[in-house]
Amino acid sequence: MDNRDSSLVAFLFGAIVGAAVALLYAPKTGKETRAHLKRITEDFVEDAGEKGMEFREKGKKFVEEGKTRVSEIVEKGKNRYSKIFKKQEENPIKIEEEKEEPEIL
């Protein structure tokens, strides 16, 4: 975990502890406080579910774009291979000459 991640974790932990202390010292009855905590928890769970769905959709989109890009690259590779193979069939001596290593001076 890098420094930025640990700072974020410390901030979130501090925020949670601060909120808990504020709720405990709030001028509400225990019943009101529990109801308030329940609403906060339900809202949090609902928001987390929505964010999860957003991440899922973004993930699907990312995967589909990746598949498309890989397919394009594979197709370009096949075309390039076909062109080189065709050149070799047309003029095998020339291709072999091009493959020879240059002399070291």
Protein backbone atom coordinates (compact mmCIF):
# COMPACT_ATOMS: atom_id res chain seq x y z
CA MET A 1 0.00 0.00 0.00
CA ASP A 2 1.51 3.33 -0.95
CA ASN A 3 1.43 6.50 1.11
CA ARG A 4 -1.65 7.88 -0.64
CA ASP A 5 -3.67 4.71 0.06
CA SER A 6 -2.70 4.67 3.73
CA SER A 7 -3.65 8.35 4.05
CA LEU A 8 -7.05 7.63 2.54
CA VAL A 9 -7.62 4.69 4.91
CA ALA A 10 -6.61 6.83 7.90
CA PHE A 11 -8.94 9.63 6.78
CA LEU A 12 -11.89 7.27 6.32
CA PHE A 13 -11.24 5.61 9.68
CA GLY A 14 -11.10 9.01 11.36
CA ALA A 15 -14.31 10.10 9.67
CA ILE A 16 -16.12 6.96 10.82
CA VAL A 17 -14.87 7.31 14.40
CA GLY A 18 -15.77 11.00 14.43
CA ALA A 19 -19.27 10.29 13.13
CA ALA A 20 -19.77 7.58 15.74
CA VAL A 21 -18.68 9.87 18.57
CA ALA A 22 -20.90 12.68 17.27
CA LEU A 23 -23.89 10.34 17.19
CA LEU A 24 -23.23 9.10 20.70
CA TYR A 25 -23.12 12.64 22.08
CA ALA A 26 -26.01 13.95 19.98
CA PRO A 27 -29.06 15.24 21.89
CA LYS A 28 -31.32 12.45 20.61
CA THR A 29 -32.87 9.53 22.37
CA GLY A 30 -31.47 6.05 21.83
CA LYS A 31 -34.48 5.14 19.69
CA GLU A 32 -34.01 8.20 17.46
CA THR A 33 -30.29 7.56 17.17
CA ARG A 34 -30.82 3.91 16.21
CA ALA A 35 -33.41 4.94 13.60
CA HIS A 36 -30.99 7.52 12.24
CA LEU A 37 -28.15 4.97 12.10
CA LYS A 38 -30.47 2.53 10.34
CA ARG A 39 -31.32 5.12 7.68
CA ILE A 40 -27.65 5.96 7.20
CA THR A 41 -26.77 2.28 6.86
CA GLU A 42 -29.58 1.65 4.38
CA ASP A 43 -28.51 4.66 2.31
CA PHE A 44 -24.92 3.44 2.36
CA VAL A 45 -25.90 -0.06 1.24
CA GLU A 46 -28.09 1.35 -1.54
CA ASP A 47 -25.31 3.69 -2.74
CA ALA A 48 -22.78 0.85 -2.61
CA GLY A 49 -25.10 -1.31 -4.72
CA GLU A 50 -25.49 1.46 -7.28
CA LYS A 51 -21.73 2.03 -7.42
CA GLY A 52 -21.23 -1.72 -7.81
CA MET A 53 -23.56 -1.76 -10.78
CA GLU A 54 -21.75 1.23 -12.31
CA PHE A 55 -18.39 -0.51 -11.90
CA ARG A 56 -19.84 -3.68 -13.37
CA GLU A 57 -21.11 -1.84 -16.45
CA LYS A 58 -17.80 -0.01 -16.88
CA GLY A 59 -15.99 -3.34 -16.54
CA LYS A 60 -18.16 -4.93 -19.22
CA LYS A 61 -17.55 -1.99 -21.54
CA PHE A 62 -13.80 -2.19 -20.90
CA VAL A 63 -13.74 -5.92 -21.66
CA GLU A 64 -15.75 -5.48 -24.86
CA GLU A 65 -13.45 -2.69 -26.04
CA GLY A 66 -10.46 -4.89 -25.23
CA LYS A 67 -11.91 -7.81 -27.19
CA THR A 68 -12.55 -5.55 -30.16
CA ARG A 69 -9.03 -4.15 -30.03
CA VAL A 70 -7.45 -7.61 -29.74
CA SER A 71 -9.53 -8.84 -32.69
CA GLU A 72 -8.33 -5.88 -34.77
CA ILE A 73 -4.69 -6.57 -33.86
CA VAL A 74 -5.04 -10.28 -34.66
CA GLU A 75 -6.63 -9.45 -38.01
CA LYS A 76 -3.80 -7.03 -38.85
CA GLY A 77 -1.28 -9.71 -37.89
CA LYS A 78 -2.96 -12.26 -40.14
CA ASN A 79 -2.99 -9.82 -43.05
CA ARG A 80 0.66 -8.97 -42.53
CA TYR A 81 1.61 -12.66 -42.32
CA SER A 82 -0.34 -13.36 -45.53
CA LYS A 83 1.47 -10.55 -47.37
CA ILE A 84 4.89 -11.79 -46.26
CA PHE A 85 4.02 -15.40 -47.12
CA LYS A 86 2.77 -14.31 -50.56
CA LYS A 87 6.01 -12.36 -51.20
CA GLN A 88 8.05 -15.42 -50.27
CA GLU A 89 6.08 -17.56 -52.74
CA GLU A 90 6.58 -14.99 -55.50
CA ASN A 91 10.30 -14.53 -54.99
CA PRO A 92 11.81 -16.94 -52.44
CA ILE A 93 15.44 -16.05 -53.22
CA LYS A 94 14.94 -12.35 -52.61
CA ILE A 95 13.27 -12.97 -49.24
CA GLU A 96 16.07 -15.33 -48.16
CA GLU A 97 18.70 -12.76 -49.15
CA GLU A 98 16.97 -10.13 -47.04
CA LYS A 99 17.05 -12.47 -44.06
CA GLU A 100 20.84 -12.87 -44.14
CA GLU A 101 22.65 -11.16 -41.32
CA PRO A 102 24.89 -8.24 -42.28
CA GLU A 103 28.63 -8.65 -41.96
CA ILE A 104 30.20 -7.27 -38.81
CA LEU A 105 32.82 -4.65 -39.56
